[in-house]
Amino acid sequence: MKVVALEEHYWDAEVAKHFAERGPEMRNPQMLERLHDLGALRLKEMDQAGIDVQVLSHGAPATQRMDGDLAVQVARGRIAERITNEDQLRLVDRYLQQVKR
């Protein structure tokens, strides 16, 4: 049986820099590290917890709170950058391996 963690969050630094207000997670260095990590630390902690796949969503605030044109520009830029990033490619590969099982 596969273990899927739903509604796991991350924070993209490029998106986050557009917002002045910050929640309590910004005062906790360990939480902030985990929110920004989409690579080795996340995979290590998933393995430790027995999680096969995480469904990620950006933590609030996110692009839905930006002006429309800016939101589209930032989101498209970040998607393009993410799909060429080695850590993200490892996450995708891990997902594909899980699906094949």
N, C-alpha and C. Protein backbone atom coordinates (compact mmCIF):
# COMPACT_ATOMS: atom_id res chain seq x y z
N MET A 1 0.84 -1.18 0.00
CA MET A 1 0.00 0.00 0.00
C MET A 1 0.89 1.25 0.00
N LYS A 2 0.53 2.21 -0.80
CA LYS A 2 1.27 3.46 -0.89
C LYS A 2 0.71 4.47 0.12
N VAL A 3 1.62 5.24 0.69
CA VAL A 3 1.22 6.30 1.62
C VAL A 3 1.38 7.63 0.88
N VAL A 4 0.25 8.34 0.74
CA VAL A 4 0.24 9.63 0.06
C VAL A 4 -0.13 10.70 1.08
N ALA A 5 0.73 11.69 1.22
CA ALA A 5 0.47 12.80 2.13
C ALA A 5 -0.19 13.93 1.33
N LEU A 6 -1.42 14.26 1.69
CA LEU A 6 -2.17 15.29 0.97
C LEU A 6 -1.97 16.65 1.61
N GLU A 7 -2.02 17.66 0.77
CA GLU A 7 -1.97 19.05 1.18
C GLU A 7 -0.71 19.39 1.97
N GLU A 8 0.42 18.91 1.48
CA GLU A 8 1.71 19.29 2.04
C GLU A 8 2.07 20.64 1.45
N HIS A 9 2.75 21.47 2.21
CA HIS A 9 3.03 22.82 1.76
C HIS A 9 4.51 23.07 1.50
N TYR A 10 4.75 24.03 0.66
CA TYR A 10 6.09 24.55 0.42
C TYR A 10 5.94 26.05 0.20
N TRP A 11 7.06 26.74 0.24
CA TRP A 11 7.07 28.17 -0.03
C TRP A 11 8.13 28.45 -1.08
N ASP A 12 7.74 29.11 -2.12
CA ASP A 12 8.67 29.52 -3.15
C ASP A 12 9.20 30.91 -2.78
N ALA A 13 10.50 31.06 -2.71
CA ALA A 13 11.10 32.32 -2.28
C ALA A 13 10.72 33.48 -3.20
N GLU A 14 10.65 33.22 -4.49
CA GLU A 14 10.28 34.28 -5.44
C GLU A 14 8.85 34.76 -5.21
N VAL A 15 7.94 33.85 -4.95
CA VAL A 15 6.55 34.22 -4.68
C VAL A 15 6.47 34.93 -3.33
N ALA A 16 7.13 34.38 -2.32
CA ALA A 16 7.04 34.92 -0.96
C ALA A 16 7.56 36.34 -0.85
N LYS A 17 8.53 36.71 -1.67
CA LYS A 17 9.11 38.05 -1.54
C LYS A 17 8.14 39.16 -1.94
N HIS A 18 7.02 38.81 -2.54
CA HIS A 18 6.01 39.80 -2.94
C HIS A 18 5.05 40.16 -1.81
N PHE A 19 5.23 39.58 -0.64
CA PHE A 19 4.30 39.81 0.46
C PHE A 19 5.03 40.33 1.69
N ALA A 20 4.53 41.43 2.23
CA ALA A 20 5.14 42.04 3.42
C ALA A 20 4.72 41.30 4.69
N GLU A 21 3.45 40.88 4.77
CA GLU A 21 2.98 40.21 5.98
C GLU A 21 3.51 38.78 6.01
N ARG A 22 3.88 38.37 7.19
CA ARG A 22 4.44 37.03 7.36
C ARG A 22 3.81 36.39 8.58
N GLY A 23 3.56 35.12 8.48
CA GLY A 23 2.97 34.38 9.59
C GLY A 23 4.03 33.89 10.57
N PRO A 24 3.61 33.13 11.57
CA PRO A 24 4.54 32.65 12.60
C PRO A 24 5.61 31.72 12.04
N GLU A 25 5.34 31.07 10.90
CA GLU A 25 6.34 30.17 10.32
C GLU A 25 7.64 30.90 9.94
N MET A 26 7.54 32.21 9.70
CA MET A 26 8.72 32.99 9.34
C MET A 26 9.64 33.22 10.53
N ARG A 27 9.16 32.97 11.73
CA ARG A 27 9.98 33.15 12.94
C ARG A 27 10.58 31.83 13.41
N ASN A 28 10.29 30.75 12.72
CA ASN A 28 10.79 29.44 13.09
C ASN A 28 11.75 28.95 12.00
N PRO A 29 13.06 29.01 12.25
CA PRO A 29 14.03 28.66 11.21
C PRO A 29 13.87 27.24 10.65
N GLN A 30 13.56 26.27 11.50
CA GLN A 30 13.39 24.89 11.02
C GLN A 30 12.16 24.77 10.11
N MET A 31 11.08 25.44 10.46
CA MET A 31 9.88 25.41 9.64
C MET A 31 10.14 26.08 8.29
N LEU A 32 10.80 27.22 8.35
CA LEU A 32 11.12 27.95 7.13
C LEU A 32 12.01 27.12 6.20
N GLU A 33 13.00 26.44 6.78
CA GLU A 33 13.87 25.57 5.98
C GLU A 33 13.06 24.50 5.27
N ARG A 34 12.11 23.91 5.97
CA ARG A 34 11.30 22.84 5.38
C ARG A 34 10.34 23.38 4.32
N LEU A 35 9.80 24.54 4.56
CA LEU A 35 8.89 25.13 3.57
C LEU A 35 9.60 25.45 2.27
N HIS A 36 10.86 25.84 2.34
CA HIS A 36 11.61 26.19 1.14
C HIS A 36 12.25 24.97 0.47
N ASP A 37 12.33 23.84 1.15
CA ASP A 37 13.03 22.67 0.61
C ASP A 37 12.12 21.82 -0.28
N LEU A 38 12.59 21.56 -1.48
CA LEU A 38 11.91 20.63 -2.37
C LEU A 38 12.88 19.55 -2.83
N GLY A 39 13.89 19.29 -2.04
CA GLY A 39 14.92 18.35 -2.45
C GLY A 39 15.25 17.33 -1.39
N ALA A 40 16.53 17.29 -1.05
CA ALA A 40 17.07 16.22 -0.21
C ALA A 40 16.42 16.12 1.17
N LEU A 41 16.23 17.26 1.84
CA LEU A 41 15.63 17.22 3.18
C LEU A 41 14.20 16.68 3.12
N ARG A 42 13.42 17.16 2.16
CA ARG A 42 12.04 16.69 2.03
C ARG A 42 12.00 15.19 1.76
N LEU A 43 12.84 14.72 0.84
CA LEU A 43 12.86 13.29 0.52
C LEU A 43 13.32 12.46 1.73
N LYS A 44 14.32 12.95 2.45
CA LYS A 44 14.79 12.25 3.65
C LYS A 44 13.67 12.12 4.68
N GLU A 45 12.96 13.22 4.93
CA GLU A 45 11.90 13.19 5.93
C GLU A 45 10.69 12.37 5.45
N MET A 46 10.44 12.38 4.16
CA MET A 46 9.38 11.51 3.62
C MET A 46 9.75 10.05 3.87
N ASP A 47 10.99 9.67 3.59
CA ASP A 47 11.43 8.30 3.82
C ASP A 47 11.33 7.93 5.29
N GLN A 48 11.75 8.83 6.17
CA GLN A 48 11.69 8.56 7.61
C GLN A 48 10.26 8.36 8.09
N ALA A 49 9.32 9.06 7.46
CA ALA A 49 7.91 8.96 7.87
C ALA A 49 7.15 7.88 7.09
N GLY A 50 7.81 7.24 6.14
CA GLY A 50 7.16 6.20 5.35
C GLY A 50 6.20 6.75 4.31
N ILE A 51 6.43 7.97 3.86
CA ILE A 51 5.58 8.61 2.86
C ILE A 51 6.15 8.34 1.47
N ASP A 52 5.30 7.85 0.57
CA ASP A 52 5.74 7.56 -0.79
C ASP A 52 5.61 8.77 -1.72
N VAL A 53 4.51 9.52 -1.56
CA VAL A 53 4.22 10.65 -2.44
C VAL A 53 3.61 11.77 -1.62
N GLN A 54 4.00 13.01 -1.91
CA GLN A 54 3.36 14.17 -1.31
C GLN A 54 2.65 14.96 -2.40
N VAL A 55 1.46 15.44 -2.08
CA VAL A 55 0.75 16.37 -2.96
C VAL A 55 1.04 17.76 -2.41
N LEU A 56 1.82 18.53 -3.16
CA LEU A 56 2.28 19.83 -2.68
C LEU A 56 1.40 20.97 -3.16
N SER A 57 1.23 21.93 -2.28
CA SER A 57 0.58 23.18 -2.66
C SER A 57 1.34 24.31 -1.99
N HIS A 58 1.34 25.45 -2.64
CA HIS A 58 2.06 26.59 -2.10
C HIS A 58 1.33 27.11 -0.87
N GLY A 59 2.08 27.34 0.20
CA GLY A 59 1.48 27.90 1.40
C GLY A 59 1.06 29.35 1.18
N ALA A 60 0.12 29.79 1.97
CA ALA A 60 -0.39 31.16 1.84
C ALA A 60 0.59 32.15 2.45
N PRO A 61 0.65 33.34 1.92
CA PRO A 61 -0.03 33.81 0.72
C PRO A 61 0.69 33.32 -0.54
N ALA A 62 -0.06 33.30 -1.63
CA ALA A 62 0.50 32.82 -2.90
C ALA A 62 0.01 33.72 -4.03
N THR A 63 0.15 33.25 -5.24
CA THR A 63 -0.12 34.09 -6.41
C THR A 63 -1.56 34.58 -6.49
N GLN A 64 -2.50 33.90 -5.88
CA GLN A 64 -3.90 34.35 -5.95
C GLN A 64 -4.10 35.71 -5.27
N ARG A 65 -3.14 36.13 -4.46
CA ARG A 65 -3.23 37.43 -3.79
C ARG A 65 -2.49 38.53 -4.53
N MET A 66 -1.91 38.21 -5.69
CA MET A 66 -1.18 39.20 -6.48
C MET A 66 -2.08 39.78 -7.56
N ASP A 67 -1.66 40.92 -8.09
CA ASP A 67 -2.30 41.47 -9.27
C ASP A 67 -2.23 40.41 -10.38
N GLY A 68 -3.28 40.31 -11.20
CA GLY A 68 -3.39 39.25 -12.20
C GLY A 68 -2.19 39.10 -13.12
N ASP A 69 -1.75 40.19 -13.74
CA ASP A 69 -0.62 40.10 -14.67
C ASP A 69 0.66 39.68 -13.96
N LEU A 70 0.89 40.23 -12.78
CA LEU A 70 2.08 39.86 -12.01
C LEU A 70 2.01 38.39 -11.61
N ALA A 71 0.86 37.94 -11.17
CA ALA A 71 0.69 36.55 -10.75
C ALA A 71 1.02 35.59 -11.89
N VAL A 72 0.52 35.88 -13.08
CA VAL A 72 0.80 35.02 -14.24
C VAL A 72 2.29 35.02 -14.55
N GLN A 73 2.90 36.18 -14.55
CA GLN A 73 4.33 36.30 -14.85
C GLN A 73 5.17 35.51 -13.84
N VAL A 74 4.89 35.70 -12.56
CA VAL A 74 5.67 35.01 -11.52
C VAL A 74 5.44 33.51 -11.59
N ALA A 75 4.19 33.09 -11.71
CA ALA A 75 3.89 31.65 -11.73
C ALA A 75 4.54 30.97 -12.93
N ARG A 76 4.42 31.54 -14.10
CA ARG A 76 5.02 30.93 -15.29
C ARG A 76 6.53 30.88 -15.19
N GLY A 77 7.12 31.94 -14.67
CA GLY A 77 8.58 31.95 -14.51
C GLY A 77 9.06 30.90 -13.55
N ARG A 78 8.34 30.75 -12.45
CA ARG A 78 8.75 29.77 -11.44
C ARG A 78 8.55 28.35 -11.94
N ILE A 79 7.47 28.10 -12.67
CA ILE A 79 7.24 26.75 -13.21
C ILE A 79 8.37 26.38 -14.16
N ALA A 80 8.71 27.29 -15.06
CA ALA A 80 9.79 27.02 -16.02
C ALA A 80 11.10 26.74 -15.30
N GLU A 81 11.39 27.52 -14.26
CA GLU A 81 12.63 27.32 -13.52
C GLU A 81 12.61 26.00 -12.77
N ARG A 82 11.50 25.67 -12.17
CA ARG A 82 11.40 24.44 -11.36
C ARG A 82 11.57 23.18 -12.20
N ILE A 83 11.03 23.16 -13.39
CA ILE A 83 11.10 21.92 -14.17
C ILE A 83 12.49 21.66 -14.73
N THR A 84 13.40 22.61 -14.59
CA THR A 84 14.79 22.39 -15.01
C THR A 84 15.71 22.21 -13.82
N ASN A 85 15.18 22.22 -12.62
CA ASN A 85 15.97 22.10 -11.40
C ASN A 85 16.19 20.63 -11.06
N GLU A 86 17.43 20.27 -10.73
CA GLU A 86 17.77 18.87 -10.44
C GLU A 86 16.97 18.27 -9.29
N ASP A 87 16.78 19.04 -8.21
CA ASP A 87 16.01 18.52 -7.07
C ASP A 87 14.59 18.19 -7.48
N GLN A 88 13.98 19.07 -8.25
CA GLN A 88 12.61 18.81 -8.67
C GLN A 88 12.54 17.62 -9.63
N LEU A 89 13.55 17.47 -10.47
CA LEU A 89 13.57 16.31 -11.36
C LEU A 89 13.66 15.01 -10.56
N ARG A 90 14.40 15.03 -9.45
CA ARG A 90 14.46 13.84 -8.59
C ARG A 90 13.10 13.55 -7.96
N LEU A 91 12.39 14.60 -7.56
CA LEU A 91 11.06 14.40 -6.99
C LEU A 91 10.11 13.80 -8.03
N VAL A 92 10.16 14.31 -9.24
CA VAL A 92 9.32 13.78 -10.32
C VAL A 92 9.68 12.33 -10.59
N ASP A 93 10.97 12.02 -10.64
CA ASP A 93 11.41 10.65 -10.88
C ASP A 93 10.92 9.73 -9.77
N ARG A 94 11.00 10.20 -8.54
CA ARG A 94 10.52 9.40 -7.41
C ARG A 94 9.01 9.12 -7.56
N TYR A 95 8.27 10.16 -7.95
CA TYR A 95 6.84 9.99 -8.15
C TYR A 95 6.56 8.96 -9.24
N LEU A 96 7.26 9.08 -10.36
CA LEU A 96 7.03 8.16 -11.47
C LEU A 96 7.36 6.72 -11.07
N GLN A 97 8.41 6.53 -10.28
CA GLN A 97 8.75 5.20 -9.80
C GLN A 97 7.64 4.63 -8.91
N GLN A 98 7.04 5.48 -8.08
CA GLN A 98 5.96 5.04 -7.20
C GLN A 98 4.74 4.64 -8.01
N VAL A 99 4.45 5.40 -9.04
CA VAL A 99 3.26 5.13 -9.87
C VAL A 99 3.42 3.80 -10.59
N LYS A 100 4.63 3.47 -11.00
CA LYS A 100 4.87 2.24 -11.74
C LYS A 100 4.73 1.00 -10.88
N ARG A 101 4.85 1.13 -9.57
CA ARG A 101 4.79 -0.04 -8.67
C ARG A 101 3.42 -0.60 -8.56
